[in-house]
Amino acid sequence: MNLEKIGRNLKKARKQKELTQVQVAEKVDIHPNYYAKIERGEIQPALDTLEKIFKVLGVKSSDILPF
């Protein structure tokens, strides 16, 4: 899994929704630093966390995950 590409896609989706990293993290119930690391491609979050992020951003997994 290309974590950097996923992070870039998440960042793009977040900016389109005009949300900050802190706002997304609060809605997903994770620490803002953890979310920032996801966007930077430094860590691979659990699948349930990714699903929550997708829901907050209003995207499908196919929009974010590079297959």
PDB file of N, CA and C in Angstrom:
ATOM      1  N   MET A   1       0.845  -1.179   0.000  1.00  0.00           N
ATOM      2  CA  MET A   1       0.000   0.000   0.000  1.00  0.00           C
ATOM      3  C   MET A   1       0.890   1.241   0.000  1.00  0.00           C
ATOM      4  N   ASN A   2       0.608   2.168  -0.894  1.00  0.00           N
ATOM      5  CA  ASN A   2       1.389   3.385  -1.001  1.00  0.00           C
ATOM      6  C   ASN A   2       0.832   4.429  -0.027  1.00  0.00           C
ATOM      7  N   LEU A   3       1.430   4.490   1.148  1.00  0.00           N
ATOM      8  CA  LEU A   3       0.920   5.364   2.200  1.00  0.00           C
ATOM      9  C   LEU A   3       1.011   6.840   1.840  1.00  0.00           C
ATOM     10  N   GLU A   4       2.070   7.214   1.113  1.00  0.00           N
ATOM     11  CA  GLU A   4       2.223   8.625   0.741  1.00  0.00           C
ATOM     12  C   GLU A   4       1.119   9.060  -0.213  1.00  0.00           C
ATOM     13  N   LYS A   5       0.782   8.197  -1.164  1.00  0.00           N
ATOM     14  CA  LYS A   5      -0.281   8.529  -2.123  1.00  0.00           C
ATOM     15  C   LYS A   5      -1.632   8.613  -1.417  1.00  0.00           C
ATOM     16  N   ILE A   6      -1.885   7.694  -0.504  1.00  0.00           N
ATOM     17  CA  ILE A   6      -3.129   7.735   0.271  1.00  0.00           C
ATOM     18  C   ILE A   6      -3.199   9.045   1.051  1.00  0.00           C
ATOM     19  N   GLY A   7      -2.093   9.410   1.682  1.00  0.00           N
ATOM     20  CA  GLY A   7      -2.039  10.656   2.438  1.00  0.00           C
ATOM     21  C   GLY A   7      -2.320  11.875   1.577  1.00  0.00           C
ATOM     22  N   ARG A   8      -1.716  11.904   0.387  1.00  0.00           N
ATOM     23  CA  ARG A   8      -1.958  13.025  -0.534  1.00  0.00           C
ATOM     24  C   ARG A   8      -3.432  13.081  -0.935  1.00  0.00           C
ATOM     25  N   ASN A   9      -4.018  11.927  -1.200  1.00  0.00           N
ATOM     26  CA  ASN A   9      -5.432  11.881  -1.594  1.00  0.00           C
ATOM     27  C   ASN A   9      -6.338  12.333  -0.455  1.00  0.00           C
ATOM     28  N   LEU A  10      -6.004  11.929   0.770  1.00  0.00           N
ATOM     29  CA  LEU A  10      -6.788  12.361   1.924  1.00  0.00           C
ATOM     30  C   LEU A  10      -6.686  13.879   2.112  1.00  0.00           C
ATOM     31  N   LYS A  11      -5.484  14.394   1.965  1.00  0.00           N
ATOM     32  CA  LYS A  11      -5.278  15.835   2.121  1.00  0.00           C
ATOM     33  C   LYS A  11      -6.085  16.609   1.085  1.00  0.00           C
ATOM     34  N   LYS A  12      -6.059  16.133  -0.149  1.00  0.00           N
ATOM     35  CA  LYS A  12      -6.799  16.790  -1.221  1.00  0.00           C
ATOM     36  C   LYS A  12      -8.298  16.778  -0.916  1.00  0.00           C
ATOM     37  N   ALA A  13      -8.815  15.636  -0.487  1.00  0.00           N
ATOM     38  CA  ALA A  13     -10.241  15.521  -0.151  1.00  0.00           C
ATOM     39  C   ALA A  13     -10.594  16.421   1.024  1.00  0.00           C
ATOM     40  N   ARG A  14      -9.705  16.481   2.012  1.00  0.00           N
ATOM     41  CA  ARG A  14      -9.951  17.320   3.197  1.00  0.00           C
ATOM     42  C   ARG A  14     -10.017  18.792   2.801  1.00  0.00           C
ATOM     43  N   LYS A  15      -9.090  19.223   1.963  1.00  0.00           N
ATOM     44  CA  LYS A  15      -9.067  20.622   1.541  1.00  0.00           C
ATOM     45  C   LYS A  15     -10.295  20.968   0.703  1.00  0.00           C
ATOM     46  N   GLN A  16     -10.768  20.013  -0.101  1.00  0.00           N
ATOM     47  CA  GLN A  16     -11.980  20.252  -0.885  1.00  0.00           C
ATOM     48  C   GLN A  16     -13.191  20.456   0.019  1.00  0.00           C
ATOM     49  N   LYS A  17     -13.186  19.802   1.168  1.00  0.00           N
ATOM     50  CA  LYS A  17     -14.266  19.958   2.148  1.00  0.00           C
ATOM     51  C   LYS A  17     -14.036  21.177   3.043  1.00  0.00           C
ATOM     52  N   GLU A  18     -12.884  21.830   2.865  1.00  0.00           N
ATOM     53  CA  GLU A  18     -12.500  22.999   3.655  1.00  0.00           C
ATOM     54  C   GLU A  18     -12.470  22.690   5.149  1.00  0.00           C
ATOM     55  N   LEU A  19     -11.867  21.541   5.464  1.00  0.00           N
ATOM     56  CA  LEU A  19     -11.688  21.128   6.853  1.00  0.00           C
ATOM     57  C   LEU A  19     -10.212  21.182   7.224  1.00  0.00           C
ATOM     58  N   THR A  20      -9.934  21.413   8.498  1.00  0.00           N
ATOM     59  CA  THR A  20      -8.559  21.351   8.978  1.00  0.00           C
ATOM     60  C   THR A  20      -8.272  19.921   9.435  1.00  0.00           C
ATOM     61  N   GLN A  21      -7.008  19.625   9.627  1.00  0.00           N
ATOM     62  CA  GLN A  21      -6.641  18.316  10.149  1.00  0.00           C
ATOM     63  C   GLN A  21      -7.260  18.100  11.524  1.00  0.00           C
ATOM     64  N   VAL A  22      -7.281  19.142  12.331  1.00  0.00           N
ATOM     65  CA  VAL A  22      -7.844  19.044  13.682  1.00  0.00           C
ATOM     66  C   VAL A  22      -9.334  18.724  13.605  1.00  0.00           C
ATOM     67  N   GLN A  23     -10.051  19.360  12.701  1.00  0.00           N
ATOM     68  CA  GLN A  23     -11.486  19.105  12.573  1.00  0.00           C
ATOM     69  C   GLN A  23     -11.756  17.652  12.176  1.00  0.00           C
ATOM     70  N   VAL A  24     -10.983  17.143  11.218  1.00  0.00           N
ATOM     71  CA  VAL A  24     -11.159  15.752  10.791  1.00  0.00           C
ATOM     72  C   VAL A  24     -10.848  14.820  11.958  1.00  0.00           C
ATOM     73  N   ALA A  25      -9.730  15.074  12.624  1.00  0.00           N
ATOM     74  CA  ALA A  25      -9.326  14.223  13.745  1.00  0.00           C
ATOM     75  C   ALA A  25     -10.405  14.194  14.824  1.00  0.00           C
ATOM     76  N   GLU A  26     -10.987  15.355  15.140  1.00  0.00           N
ATOM     77  CA  GLU A  26     -12.030  15.405  16.167  1.00  0.00           C
ATOM     78  C   GLU A  26     -13.254  14.591  15.743  1.00  0.00           C
ATOM     79  N   LYS A  27     -13.650  14.702  14.483  1.00  0.00           N
ATOM     80  CA  LYS A  27     -14.829  13.981  13.996  1.00  0.00           C
ATOM     81  C   LYS A  27     -14.597  12.469  13.967  1.00  0.00           C
ATOM     82  N   VAL A  28     -13.333  12.066  13.749  1.00  0.00           N
ATOM     83  CA  VAL A  28     -12.992  10.645  13.682  1.00  0.00           C
ATOM     84  C   VAL A  28     -12.652  10.103  15.073  1.00  0.00           C
ATOM     85  N   ASP A  29     -12.446  11.018  16.027  1.00  0.00           N
ATOM     86  CA  ASP A  29     -12.082  10.671  17.402  1.00  0.00           C
ATOM     87  C   ASP A  29     -10.685  10.062  17.484  1.00  0.00           C
ATOM     88  N   ILE A  30      -9.744  10.736  16.804  1.00  0.00           N
ATOM     89  CA  ILE A  30      -8.327  10.377  16.897  1.00  0.00           C
ATOM     90  C   ILE A  30      -7.541  11.649  17.213  1.00  0.00           C
ATOM     91  N   HIS A  31      -6.309  11.487  17.631  1.00  0.00           N
ATOM     92  CA  HIS A  31      -5.466  12.637  17.955  1.00  0.00           C
ATOM     93  C   HIS A  31      -5.068  13.355  16.662  1.00  0.00           C
ATOM     94  N   PRO A  32      -5.061  14.688  16.664  1.00  0.00           N
ATOM     95  CA  PRO A  32      -4.669  15.425  15.464  1.00  0.00           C
ATOM     96  C   PRO A  32      -3.276  15.058  14.938  1.00  0.00           C
ATOM     97  N   ASN A  33      -2.348  14.774  15.844  1.00  0.00           N
ATOM     98  CA  ASN A  33      -1.007  14.383  15.395  1.00  0.00           C
ATOM     99  C   ASN A  33      -1.040  13.050  14.645  1.00  0.00           C
ATOM    100  N   TYR A  34      -1.899  12.156  15.082  1.00  0.00           N
ATOM    101  CA  TYR A  34      -2.059  10.856  14.423  1.00  0.00           C
ATOM    102  C   TYR A  34      -2.613  11.067  13.016  1.00  0.00           C
ATOM    103  N   TYR A  35      -3.624  11.937  12.907  1.00  0.00           N
ATOM    104  CA  TYR A  35      -4.179  12.208  11.581  1.00  0.00           C
ATOM    105  C   TYR A  35      -3.128  12.849  10.677  1.00  0.00           C
ATOM    106  N   ALA A  36      -2.344  13.765  11.206  1.00  0.00           N
ATOM    107  CA  ALA A  36      -1.300  14.422  10.410  1.00  0.00           C
ATOM    108  C   ALA A  36      -0.303  13.391   9.872  1.00  0.00           C
ATOM    109  N   LYS A  37       0.035  12.406  10.694  1.00  0.00           N
ATOM    110  CA  LYS A  37       0.957  11.354  10.255  1.00  0.00           C
ATOM    111  C   LYS A  37       0.342  10.510   9.140  1.00  0.00           C
ATOM    112  N   ILE A  38      -0.966  10.306   9.198  1.00  0.00           N
ATOM    113  CA  ILE A  38      -1.639   9.568   8.128  1.00  0.00           C
ATOM    114  C   ILE A  38      -1.510  10.351   6.823  1.00  0.00           C
ATOM    115  N   GLU A  39      -1.780  11.652   6.870  1.00  0.00           N
ATOM    116  CA  GLU A  39      -1.689  12.479   5.662  1.00  0.00           C
ATOM    117  C   GLU A  39      -0.261  12.539   5.126  1.00  0.00           C
ATOM    118  N   ARG A  40       0.711  12.486   6.007  1.00  0.00           N
ATOM    119  CA  ARG A  40       2.109  12.529   5.552  1.00  0.00           C
ATOM    120  C   ARG A  40       2.602  11.164   5.069  1.00  0.00           C
ATOM    121  N   GLY A  41       1.780  10.145   5.234  1.00  0.00           N
ATOM    122  CA  GLY A  41       2.160   8.811   4.787  1.00  0.00           C
ATOM    123  C   GLY A  41       3.150   8.128   5.701  1.00  0.00           C
ATOM    124  N   GLU A  42       3.179   8.545   6.956  1.00  0.00           N
ATOM    125  CA  GLU A  42       4.136   7.981   7.908  1.00  0.00           C
ATOM    126  C   GLU A  42       3.624   6.723   8.596  1.00  0.00           C
ATOM    127  N   ILE A  43       2.301   6.573   8.663  1.00  0.00           N
ATOM    128  CA  ILE A  43       1.727   5.403   9.337  1.00  0.00           C
ATOM    129  C   ILE A  43       0.546   4.874   8.540  1.00  0.00           C
ATOM    130  N   GLN A  44       0.264   3.615   8.764  1.00  0.00           N
ATOM    131  CA  GLN A  44      -0.903   2.983   8.143  1.00  0.00           C
ATOM    132  C   GLN A  44      -1.974   2.815   9.214  1.00  0.00           C
ATOM    133  N   PRO A  45      -3.067   3.549   9.082  1.00  0.00           N
ATOM    134  CA  PRO A  45      -4.117   3.440  10.091  1.00  0.00           C
ATOM    135  C   PRO A  45      -4.893   2.142   9.951  1.00  0.00           C
ATOM    136  N   ALA A  46      -5.601   1.792  11.001  1.00  0.00           N
ATOM    137  CA  ALA A  46      -6.478   0.626  10.960  1.00  0.00           C
ATOM    138  C   ALA A  46      -7.595   0.875   9.955  1.00  0.00           C
ATOM    139  N   LEU A  47      -8.117  -0.190   9.398  1.00  0.00           N
ATOM    140  CA  LEU A  47      -9.162  -0.087   8.388  1.00  0.00           C
ATOM    141  C   LEU A  47     -10.387   0.657   8.910  1.00  0.00           C
ATOM    142  N   ASP A  48     -10.777   0.402  10.153  1.00  0.00           N
ATOM    143  CA  ASP A  48     -11.959   1.096  10.686  1.00  0.00           C
ATOM    144  C   ASP A  48     -11.717   2.599  10.818  1.00  0.00           C
ATOM    145  N   THR A  49     -10.479   2.989  11.118  1.00  0.00           N
ATOM    146  CA  THR A  49     -10.139   4.413  11.183  1.00  0.00           C
ATOM    147  C   THR A  49     -10.233   5.035   9.797  1.00  0.00           C
ATOM    148  N   LEU A  50      -9.702   4.336   8.792  1.00  0.00           N
ATOM    149  CA  LEU A  50      -9.795   4.831   7.414  1.00  0.00           C
ATOM    150  C   LEU A  50     -11.253   4.996   6.996  1.00  0.00           C
ATOM    151  N   GLU A  51     -12.077   4.035   7.335  1.00  0.00           N
ATOM    152  CA  GLU A  51     -13.491   4.107   6.977  1.00  0.00           C
ATOM    153  C   GLU A  51     -14.164   5.326   7.611  1.00  0.00           C
ATOM    154  N   LYS A  52     -13.810   5.626   8.854  1.00  0.00           N
ATOM    155  CA  LYS A  52     -14.362   6.808   9.525  1.00  0.00           C
ATOM    156  C   LYS A  52     -13.898   8.087   8.829  1.00  0.00           C
ATOM    157  N   ILE A  53     -12.630   8.117   8.438  1.00  0.00           N
ATOM    158  CA  ILE A  53     -12.094   9.288   7.731  1.00  0.00           C
ATOM    159  C   ILE A  53     -12.821   9.469   6.403  1.00  0.00           C
ATOM    160  N   PHE A  54     -13.013   8.372   5.666  1.00  0.00           N
ATOM    161  CA  PHE A  54     -13.730   8.446   4.382  1.00  0.00           C
ATOM    162  C   PHE A  54     -15.128   9.031   4.585  1.00  0.00           C
ATOM    163  N   LYS A  55     -15.797   8.594   5.641  1.00  0.00           N
ATOM    164  CA  LYS A  55     -17.158   9.060   5.918  1.00  0.00           C
ATOM    165  C   LYS A  55     -17.163  10.561   6.218  1.00  0.00           C
ATOM    166  N   VAL A  56     -16.224  11.002   7.043  1.00  0.00           N
ATOM    167  CA  VAL A  56     -16.128  12.422   7.387  1.00  0.00           C
ATOM    168  C   VAL A  56     -15.853  13.259   6.135  1.00  0.00           C
ATOM    169  N   LEU A  57     -14.994  12.754   5.258  1.00  0.00           N
ATOM    170  CA  LEU A  57     -14.627  13.499   4.060  1.00  0.00           C
ATOM    171  C   LEU A  57     -15.624  13.320   2.920  1.00  0.00           C
ATOM    172  N   GLY A  58     -16.561  12.391   3.097  1.00  0.00           N
ATOM    173  CA  GLY A  58     -17.569  12.166   2.071  1.00  0.00           C
ATOM    174  C   GLY A  58     -17.012  11.552   0.805  1.00  0.00           C
ATOM    175  N   VAL A  59     -16.045  10.637   0.974  1.00  0.00           N
ATOM    176  CA  VAL A  59     -15.426   9.977  -0.174  1.00  0.00           C
ATOM    177  C   VAL A  59     -15.578   8.468  -0.059  1.00  0.00           C
ATOM    178  N   LYS A  60     -15.380   7.794  -1.180  1.00  0.00           N
ATOM    179  CA  LYS A  60     -15.369   6.335  -1.204  1.00  0.00           C
ATOM    180  C   LYS A  60     -13.916   5.860  -1.137  1.00  0.00           C
ATOM    181  N   SER A  61     -13.724   4.637  -0.698  1.00  0.00           N
ATOM    182  CA  SER A  61     -12.363   4.100  -0.620  1.00  0.00           C
ATOM    183  C   SER A  61     -11.693   4.122  -1.977  1.00  0.00           C
ATOM    184  N   SER A  62     -12.462   3.908  -3.045  1.00  0.00           N
ATOM    185  CA  SER A  62     -11.881   3.914  -4.393  1.00  0.00           C
ATOM    186  C   SER A  62     -11.387   5.292  -4.809  1.00  0.00           C
ATOM    187  N   ASP A  63     -11.882   6.347  -4.150  1.00  0.00           N
ATOM    188  CA  ASP A  63     -11.413   7.699  -4.440  1.00  0.00           C
ATOM    189  C   ASP A  63     -10.039   7.966  -3.833  1.00  0.00           C
ATOM    190  N   ILE A  64      -9.711   7.222  -2.773  1.00  0.00           N
ATOM    191  CA  ILE A  64      -8.505   7.507  -1.985  1.00  0.00           C
ATOM    192  C   ILE A  64      -7.430   6.440  -2.160  1.00  0.00           C
ATOM    193  N   LEU A  65      -7.837   5.182  -2.133  1.00  0.00           N
ATOM    194  CA  LEU A  65      -6.865   4.092  -2.166  1.00  0.00           C
ATOM    195  C   LEU A  65      -6.401   3.805  -3.589  1.00  0.00           C
ATOM    196  N   PRO A  66      -5.082   3.809  -3.795  1.00  0.00           N
ATOM    197  CA  PRO A  66      -4.553   3.536  -5.138  1.00  0.00           C
ATOM    198  C   PRO A  66      -4.543   2.023  -5.420  1.00  0.00           C
ATOM    199  N   PHE A  67      -5.363   1.597  -6.334  1.00  0.00           N
ATOM    200  CA  PHE A  67      -5.421   0.175  -6.689  1.00  0.00           C
ATOM    201  C   PHE A  67      -4.704  -0.068  -8.003  1.00  0.00           C
TER     202      PHE A  67
END
